[in-house]
Amino acid sequence: MTDLMEALFEYINKVTLQNYLAVDSDYRISSTRRDTWSLEILDHLDEEGRALFDRYEKAAFQEHSCLLEAMFLATVDLCRELNGRLTA
């Protein structure tokens, strides 16, 4: 991504997206459940299991970050395509 695209992605990810999620009750419920359950899981794991769970969460976070970036890039491409059709 270009520097401009990185800046736009950062802004959307940290500001705009949070505004949408703040009013999404399904997101808030799911997020609360995930936080609660992840702590409960840790209570049932030994040291090796906790280390594995930590690696799993890091990989899931990285996967989610890649998904958000891909969605952003797909949206930019769609905007370019629509702009081309509207101005042609």
Protein backbone atom coordinates (compact mmCIF):
# COMPACT_ATOMS: atom_id res chain seq x y z
CA MET A 1 0.00 0.00 0.00
CA THR A 2 1.11 3.55 -0.60
CA ASP A 3 1.76 5.90 2.31
CA LEU A 4 -1.56 7.63 1.63
CA MET A 5 -3.43 4.33 1.59
CA GLU A 6 -1.71 3.31 4.84
CA ALA A 7 -2.80 6.59 6.45
CA LEU A 8 -6.38 6.17 5.22
CA PHE A 9 -6.49 2.57 6.41
CA GLU A 10 -5.15 3.59 9.80
CA TYR A 11 -7.76 6.34 10.11
CA ILE A 12 -10.64 4.10 9.05
CA ASN A 13 -9.48 1.27 11.28
CA LYS A 14 -8.99 3.39 14.40
CA VAL A 15 -11.67 6.07 14.06
CA THR A 16 -14.42 5.40 11.55
CA LEU A 17 -14.71 1.66 12.12
CA GLN A 18 -14.93 2.16 15.88
CA ASN A 19 -17.83 4.57 15.40
CA TYR A 20 -19.77 1.91 13.49
CA LEU A 21 -18.93 -0.82 15.98
CA ALA A 22 -19.87 1.34 18.97
CA VAL A 23 -23.53 1.31 17.88
CA ASP A 24 -23.58 -2.35 16.78
CA SER A 25 -25.12 -4.31 19.66
CA ASP A 26 -24.21 -7.67 18.09
CA TYR A 27 -20.57 -6.63 17.99
CA ARG A 28 -20.59 -5.44 21.60
CA ILE A 29 -22.19 -8.69 22.78
CA SER A 30 -19.79 -10.86 20.78
CA SER A 31 -16.77 -8.85 21.90
CA THR A 32 -17.77 -9.11 25.56
CA ARG A 33 -18.35 -12.85 25.25
CA ARG A 34 -15.00 -13.39 23.55
CA ASP A 35 -13.17 -11.43 26.25
CA THR A 36 -14.95 -13.30 29.05
CA TRP A 37 -14.53 -16.73 27.49
CA SER A 38 -10.86 -16.20 26.65
CA LEU A 39 -10.19 -15.49 30.33
CA GLU A 40 -12.22 -18.55 31.35
CA ILE A 41 -10.23 -20.73 28.95
CA LEU A 42 -6.99 -19.60 30.56
CA ASP A 43 -8.28 -20.79 33.95
CA HIS A 44 -8.52 -24.32 32.57
CA LEU A 45 -5.12 -24.51 30.89
CA ASP A 46 -1.74 -25.51 32.18
CA GLU A 47 1.38 -23.51 31.29
CA GLU A 48 1.83 -25.29 27.95
CA GLY A 49 -1.84 -24.80 27.08
CA ARG A 50 -1.62 -21.10 27.94
CA ALA A 51 1.40 -20.71 25.68
CA LEU A 52 -0.46 -22.45 22.86
CA PHE A 53 -3.54 -20.30 23.44
CA ASP A 54 -1.37 -17.17 23.38
CA ARG A 55 0.13 -18.22 20.02
CA TYR A 56 -3.38 -18.98 18.73
CA GLU A 57 -4.65 -15.52 19.73
CA LYS A 58 -1.67 -13.81 18.11
CA ALA A 59 -2.25 -15.75 14.88
CA ALA A 60 -5.98 -14.96 14.97
CA PHE A 61 -5.19 -11.26 15.46
CA GLN A 62 -2.75 -11.29 12.53
CA GLU A 63 -5.31 -13.08 10.35
CA HIS A 64 -7.96 -10.51 11.30
CA SER A 65 -5.57 -7.65 10.49
CA CYS A 66 -4.87 -9.15 7.06
CA LEU A 67 -8.60 -9.53 6.46
CA LEU A 68 -9.26 -5.89 7.35
CA GLU A 69 -6.48 -4.72 5.06
CA ALA A 70 -7.72 -6.89 2.18
CA MET A 71 -11.26 -5.58 2.68
CA PHE A 72 -9.94 -2.01 2.62
CA LEU A 73 -7.98 -2.63 -0.59
CA ALA A 74 -11.00 -4.30 -2.21
CA THR A 75 -13.12 -1.29 -1.25
CA VAL A 76 -10.58 1.11 -2.76
CA ASP A 77 -10.59 -0.94 -5.98
CA LEU A 78 -14.39 -0.91 -6.04
CA CYS A 79 -14.44 2.87 -5.55
CA ARG A 80 -12.00 3.29 -8.43
CA GLU A 81 -14.10 1.04 -10.66
CA LEU A 82 -17.34 2.86 -9.78
CA ASN A 83 -15.67 6.22 -10.30
CA GLY A 84 -14.51 5.09 -13.74
CA ARG A 85 -18.02 4.02 -14.70
CA LEU A 86 -19.61 7.20 -13.38
CA THR A 87 -17.16 9.52 -15.13
CA ALA A 88 -17.10 7.62 -18.44
